[in-house]
Amino acid sequence: MKQSQTCPKCQAQEVVHIPGKSQKSGYDVGRSIRAGRTNANVTLVDVYVYGSCGYTGSWAASSEELHKIKKKLN
């Protein structure tokens, strides 16, 4: 989905990419998941939404963000 830019449900190629947001605004955390109990452990995720069917998928915004998640799982 992320690499092919094709929806696995309806095969559409109309995609909207919504990047994860920084925590700097204070009140708007954007698209993120908590990898721990504090805001220091928030992991940013990018969201992809397909316009034909509305199917969505989320990915870690970077390899550093993915590392935060993996570190928490150990």
C-alpha atoms as a PDB file:
ATOM      1  CA  MET A   1       0.000   0.000   0.000  1.00  0.00           C
ATOM      2  CA  LYS A   2       2.637   2.538   1.043  1.00  0.00           C
ATOM      3  CA  GLN A   3       5.133   1.580  -1.672  1.00  0.00           C
ATOM      4  CA  SER A   4       2.694   0.563  -4.407  1.00  0.00           C
ATOM      5  CA  GLN A   5       0.339   3.534  -3.865  1.00  0.00           C
ATOM      6  CA  THR A   6      -2.486   1.109  -4.646  1.00  0.00           C
ATOM      7  CA  CYS A   7      -5.317   0.323  -2.240  1.00  0.00           C
ATOM      8  CA  PRO A   8      -5.336  -3.368  -1.246  1.00  0.00           C
ATOM      9  CA  LYS A   9      -9.140  -3.264  -0.898  1.00  0.00           C
ATOM     10  CA  CYS A  10     -10.395  -1.510  -4.049  1.00  0.00           C
ATOM     11  CA  GLN A  11      -7.178  -1.207  -6.137  1.00  0.00           C
ATOM     12  CA  ALA A  12      -7.635   2.586  -6.417  1.00  0.00           C
ATOM     13  CA  GLN A  13      -4.582   4.796  -6.797  1.00  0.00           C
ATOM     14  CA  GLU A  14      -6.096   8.023  -5.470  1.00  0.00           C
ATOM     15  CA  VAL A  15      -4.217   8.470  -2.201  1.00  0.00           C
ATOM     16  CA  VAL A  16      -3.917  11.233   0.383  1.00  0.00           C
ATOM     17  CA  HIS A  17      -0.753  11.178   2.509  1.00  0.00           C
ATOM     18  CA  ILE A  18      -1.102  12.797   5.949  1.00  0.00           C
ATOM     19  CA  PRO A  19       2.323  13.101   7.595  1.00  0.00           C
ATOM     20  CA  GLY A  20       2.778  12.740  11.353  1.00  0.00           C
ATOM     21  CA  LYS A  21       3.016  16.069  13.184  1.00  0.00           C
ATOM     22  CA  SER A  22       5.546  17.400  15.629  1.00  0.00           C
ATOM     23  CA  GLN A  23       4.714  17.677  19.322  1.00  0.00           C
ATOM     24  CA  LYS A  24       5.937  21.296  19.396  1.00  0.00           C
ATOM     25  CA  SER A  25       2.477  22.858  19.176  1.00  0.00           C
ATOM     26  CA  GLY A  26       1.643  21.501  22.628  1.00  0.00           C
ATOM     27  CA  TYR A  27      -2.085  21.004  22.121  1.00  0.00           C
ATOM     28  CA  ASP A  28      -2.169  19.270  18.743  1.00  0.00           C
ATOM     29  CA  VAL A  29      -0.267  16.002  18.805  1.00  0.00           C
ATOM     30  CA  GLY A  30      -1.314  15.103  15.257  1.00  0.00           C
ATOM     31  CA  ARG A  31      -1.073  11.504  14.204  1.00  0.00           C
ATOM     32  CA  SER A  32       0.906   9.638  16.792  1.00  0.00           C
ATOM     33  CA  ILE A  33       0.910   6.628  19.052  1.00  0.00           C
ATOM     34  CA  ARG A  34       2.303   6.290  22.539  1.00  0.00           C
ATOM     35  CA  ALA A  35       5.201   3.911  22.904  1.00  0.00           C
ATOM     36  CA  GLY A  36       5.324   4.575  26.634  1.00  0.00           C
ATOM     37  CA  ARG A  37       3.728   6.546  29.451  1.00  0.00           C
ATOM     38  CA  THR A  38       5.103  10.017  28.732  1.00  0.00           C
ATOM     39  CA  ASN A  39       5.022  12.436  25.800  1.00  0.00           C
ATOM     40  CA  ALA A  40       8.727  11.725  25.309  1.00  0.00           C
ATOM     41  CA  ASN A  41       7.690   8.265  24.101  1.00  0.00           C
ATOM     42  CA  VAL A  42       5.217   9.453  21.464  1.00  0.00           C
ATOM     43  CA  THR A  43       5.902   7.983  18.035  1.00  0.00           C
ATOM     44  CA  LEU A  44       4.848   9.864  14.904  1.00  0.00           C
ATOM     45  CA  VAL A  45       2.984   7.955  12.209  1.00  0.00           C
ATOM     46  CA  ASP A  46       2.125   8.821   8.622  1.00  0.00           C
ATOM     47  CA  VAL A  47      -1.426   8.015   7.520  1.00  0.00           C
ATOM     48  CA  TYR A  48      -2.487   7.083   3.991  1.00  0.00           C
ATOM     49  CA  VAL A  49      -6.164   7.391   3.019  1.00  0.00           C
ATOM     50  CA  TYR A  50      -7.593   6.053  -0.239  1.00  0.00           C
ATOM     51  CA  GLY A  51     -10.176   8.328  -1.844  1.00  0.00           C
ATOM     52  CA  SER A  52     -12.275   5.656  -3.556  1.00  0.00           C
ATOM     53  CA  CYS A  53     -13.141   3.499  -0.553  1.00  0.00           C
ATOM     54  CA  GLY A  54     -11.767   5.377   2.482  1.00  0.00           C
ATOM     55  CA  TYR A  55      -9.418   2.561   3.536  1.00  0.00           C
ATOM     56  CA  THR A  56      -6.569   3.842   5.721  1.00  0.00           C
ATOM     57  CA  GLY A  57      -3.144   2.602   6.755  1.00  0.00           C
ATOM     58  CA  SER A  58      -0.561   3.971   9.188  1.00  0.00           C
ATOM     59  CA  TRP A  59       3.232   3.649   9.154  1.00  0.00           C
ATOM     60  CA  ALA A  60       5.990   4.866  11.428  1.00  0.00           C
ATOM     61  CA  ALA A  61       7.064   8.236  10.017  1.00  0.00           C
ATOM     62  CA  SER A  62      10.768   7.310   9.954  1.00  0.00           C
ATOM     63  CA  SER A  63      13.208   4.571  10.881  1.00  0.00           C
ATOM     64  CA  GLU A  64      13.897   6.445  14.138  1.00  0.00           C
ATOM     65  CA  GLU A  65      10.197   6.366  15.004  1.00  0.00           C
ATOM     66  CA  LEU A  66      10.062   2.642  14.224  1.00  0.00           C
ATOM     67  CA  HIS A  67      13.078   2.116  16.491  1.00  0.00           C
ATOM     68  CA  LYS A  68      11.168   3.779  19.375  1.00  0.00           C
ATOM     69  CA  ILE A  69       8.359   1.253  18.976  1.00  0.00           C
ATOM     70  CA  LYS A  70      10.721  -1.732  18.762  1.00  0.00           C
ATOM     71  CA  LYS A  71      12.659  -0.532  21.798  1.00  0.00           C
ATOM     72  CA  LYS A  72       9.457  -0.347  23.848  1.00  0.00           C
ATOM     73  CA  LEU A  73       8.481  -3.896  22.872  1.00  0.00           C
ATOM     74  CA  ASN A  74      11.730  -5.323  24.250  1.00  0.00           C
END
